Amino acid sequence: MQRKDKALQLFSNRCNCSQAVFAAFRRAEVLDEASALRLATMFGGGLAGAGGGMCGAVSGALMALSMRFGMGGIGELANKSKTYELGRQFMAEFEKRIGSCRCESILGLNIGEPESLQKARELKLFETVCVDAVGTACDILEEMLRAEE
């Protein structure tokens, strides 16, 4: 199964946007799926479901990039700046394609507020806008990973 398909499957099965992207793109030899899902839980729904922060698909993608390229100790200090640069590239491309990296801006409402969450459900924003954000994050990650190989 392709990583994008895996992310979309996870998202359609009630995982949040961050969980879906991170679990699909984690390094399986380093981190099992259940641990990835646990780690990414807090980053969905505009950070902790508060709705106003960074899109969870972006957070999950940044965690995946960090897992692959990040600094794993003092001896890998150069990896920190490389990872930051990749993160900035990812966010710039995501913003170009989606319009923003912020959950509230993408959805047009703050899902951290109960009435806005209900409206998002009624408008099926999670099945449309959020699915697009998850898919776009996956597409950008695939492009970036290919370029780094």
Protein backbone atom coordinates (compact mmCIF):
# COMPACT_ATOMS: atom_id res chain seq x y z
CA MET A 1 0.00 0.00 0.00
CA GLN A 2 1.29 3.45 -0.91
CA ARG A 3 1.96 5.80 1.99
CA LYS A 4 -0.64 8.31 0.80
CA ASP A 5 -3.26 5.56 0.60
CA LYS A 6 -2.29 4.42 4.11
CA ALA A 7 -2.63 7.99 5.45
CA LEU A 8 -6.03 8.45 3.83
CA GLN A 9 -7.17 5.07 5.17
CA LEU A 10 -6.06 5.97 8.70
CA PHE A 11 -7.78 9.36 8.44
CA SER A 12 -11.01 7.81 7.19
CA ASN A 13 -10.89 5.41 10.17
CA ARG A 14 -11.01 8.27 12.71
CA CYS A 15 -7.31 8.91 13.18
CA ASN A 16 -6.61 12.63 13.18
CA CYS A 17 -4.75 14.38 10.38
CA SER A 18 -1.41 14.39 12.21
CA GLN A 19 -1.66 10.73 13.17
CA ALA A 20 -2.54 9.73 9.61
CA VAL A 21 0.39 11.49 7.95
CA PHE A 22 2.99 10.67 10.59
CA ALA A 23 2.06 6.99 10.94
CA ALA A 24 2.08 6.50 7.16
CA PHE A 25 5.50 8.16 6.76
CA ARG A 26 7.24 7.01 9.96
CA ARG A 27 10.35 4.90 9.65
CA ALA A 28 8.78 1.52 10.36
CA GLU A 29 12.15 0.02 11.34
CA VAL A 30 12.44 2.64 14.09
CA LEU A 31 8.86 3.16 15.31
CA ASP A 32 5.83 0.90 15.27
CA GLU A 33 2.48 2.19 14.06
CA ALA A 34 0.80 2.23 17.49
CA SER A 35 3.62 4.35 18.95
CA ALA A 36 3.47 6.72 15.98
CA LEU A 37 -0.28 7.11 16.44
CA ARG A 38 0.20 7.83 20.13
CA LEU A 39 2.95 10.40 19.54
CA ALA A 40 0.99 12.27 16.89
CA THR A 41 -2.34 12.34 18.74
CA MET A 42 -1.74 15.73 20.36
CA PHE A 43 -0.99 17.46 17.05
CA GLY A 44 -4.35 16.95 15.34
CA GLY A 45 -7.13 19.48 14.96
CA GLY A 46 -4.94 22.55 15.06
CA LEU A 47 -2.92 21.28 18.05
CA ALA A 48 -4.76 19.38 20.77
CA GLY A 49 -8.05 19.90 18.94
CA ALA A 50 -7.91 23.61 19.80
CA GLY A 51 -8.46 24.53 16.15
CA GLY A 52 -6.34 27.67 16.01
CA GLY A 53 -2.86 26.24 15.59
CA MET A 54 -0.96 24.46 12.88
CA CYS A 55 -2.81 22.02 10.65
CA GLY A 56 -2.26 18.49 11.92
CA ALA A 57 -1.34 17.23 8.45
CA VAL A 58 1.53 19.72 8.51
CA SER A 59 2.55 18.70 12.05
CA GLY A 60 2.54 15.03 11.07
CA ALA A 61 4.62 15.74 7.98
CA LEU A 62 7.13 17.79 9.97
CA MET A 63 7.46 14.95 12.48
CA ALA A 64 8.04 12.50 9.62
CA LEU A 65 10.77 14.73 8.15
CA SER A 66 12.33 15.12 11.58
CA MET A 67 12.27 11.38 12.15
CA ARG A 68 14.08 10.80 8.87
CA PHE A 69 16.57 13.67 8.87
CA GLY A 70 16.60 15.10 12.41
CA MET A 71 19.31 15.36 15.00
CA GLY A 72 19.61 12.16 17.01
CA GLY A 73 22.36 13.38 19.32
CA ILE A 74 25.16 15.91 19.73
CA GLY A 75 27.17 14.21 16.99
CA GLU A 76 24.46 15.02 14.46
CA LEU A 77 24.25 18.77 15.02
CA ALA A 78 24.36 19.49 11.27
CA ASN A 79 21.14 17.52 10.87
CA LYS A 80 19.25 20.15 12.87
CA SER A 81 19.75 22.93 10.34
CA LYS A 82 19.07 20.60 7.42
CA THR A 83 15.85 19.44 9.06
CA TYR A 84 14.75 23.01 9.77
CA GLU A 85 15.35 23.89 6.12
CA LEU A 86 13.34 20.88 4.93
CA GLY A 87 10.56 21.87 7.32
CA ARG A 88 10.48 25.41 5.95
CA GLN A 89 10.41 24.05 2.40
CA PHE A 90 7.53 21.76 3.29
CA MET A 91 5.51 24.52 4.92
CA ALA A 92 6.08 26.92 2.03
CA GLU A 93 4.91 24.33 -0.49
CA PHE A 94 1.90 23.32 1.62
CA GLU A 95 0.89 26.95 2.00
CA LYS A 96 1.27 27.46 -1.75
CA ARG A 97 -1.03 24.52 -2.50
CA ILE A 98 -3.56 24.78 0.35
CA GLY A 99 -3.39 28.49 1.18
CA SER A 100 -2.24 28.25 4.80
CA CYS A 101 -0.57 25.98 7.35
CA ARG A 102 -3.07 26.96 10.05
CA CYS A 103 -6.09 24.79 10.76
CA GLU A 104 -8.47 27.69 11.31
CA SER A 105 -7.47 29.42 8.08
CA ILE A 106 -7.79 26.22 6.06
CA LEU A 107 -11.23 25.33 7.44
CA GLY A 108 -12.53 28.87 7.71
CA LEU A 109 -13.61 28.30 11.31
CA ASN A 110 -12.10 27.31 14.63
CA ILE A 111 -12.98 23.70 15.45
CA GLY A 112 -11.85 24.25 19.02
CA GLU A 113 -15.21 25.97 19.59
CA PRO A 114 -18.05 23.43 19.98
CA GLU A 115 -20.47 25.25 17.66
CA SER A 116 -17.79 25.60 14.98
CA LEU A 117 -16.86 21.93 15.33
CA GLN A 118 -20.50 21.01 14.80
CA LYS A 119 -20.68 23.31 11.76
CA ALA A 120 -17.52 21.71 10.33
CA ARG A 121 -19.16 18.30 10.71
CA GLU A 122 -22.37 19.51 9.07
CA LEU A 123 -20.41 21.00 6.17
CA LYS A 124 -18.41 17.76 5.91
CA LEU A 125 -15.15 19.73 6.07
CA PHE A 126 -13.27 16.77 7.53
CA GLU A 127 -14.30 14.59 4.58
CA THR A 128 -13.40 17.25 2.01
CA VAL A 129 -11.01 19.98 3.11
CA CYS A 130 -9.12 17.86 5.63
CA VAL A 131 -8.84 14.88 3.29
CA ASP A 132 -7.34 17.27 0.74
CA ALA A 133 -4.88 18.59 3.34
CA VAL A 134 -3.80 15.07 4.31
CA GLY A 135 -3.40 14.06 0.66
CA THR A 136 -1.49 17.22 -0.19
CA ALA A 137 0.85 16.75 2.77
CA CYS A 138 1.54 13.21 1.55
CA ASP A 139 2.18 14.36 -2.01
CA ILE A 140 4.67 16.98 -0.85
CA LEU A 141 6.42 14.52 1.46
CA GLU A 142 6.78 11.98 -1.35
CA GLU A 143 8.26 14.66 -3.62
CA MET A 144 10.69 15.81 -0.93
CA LEU A 145 11.77 12.30 0.01
CA ARG A 146 12.42 11.43 -3.64
CA ALA A 147 14.54 14.58 -4.01
CA GLU A 148 16.60 13.67 -0.91
CA GLU A 149 17.37 10.10 -2.01
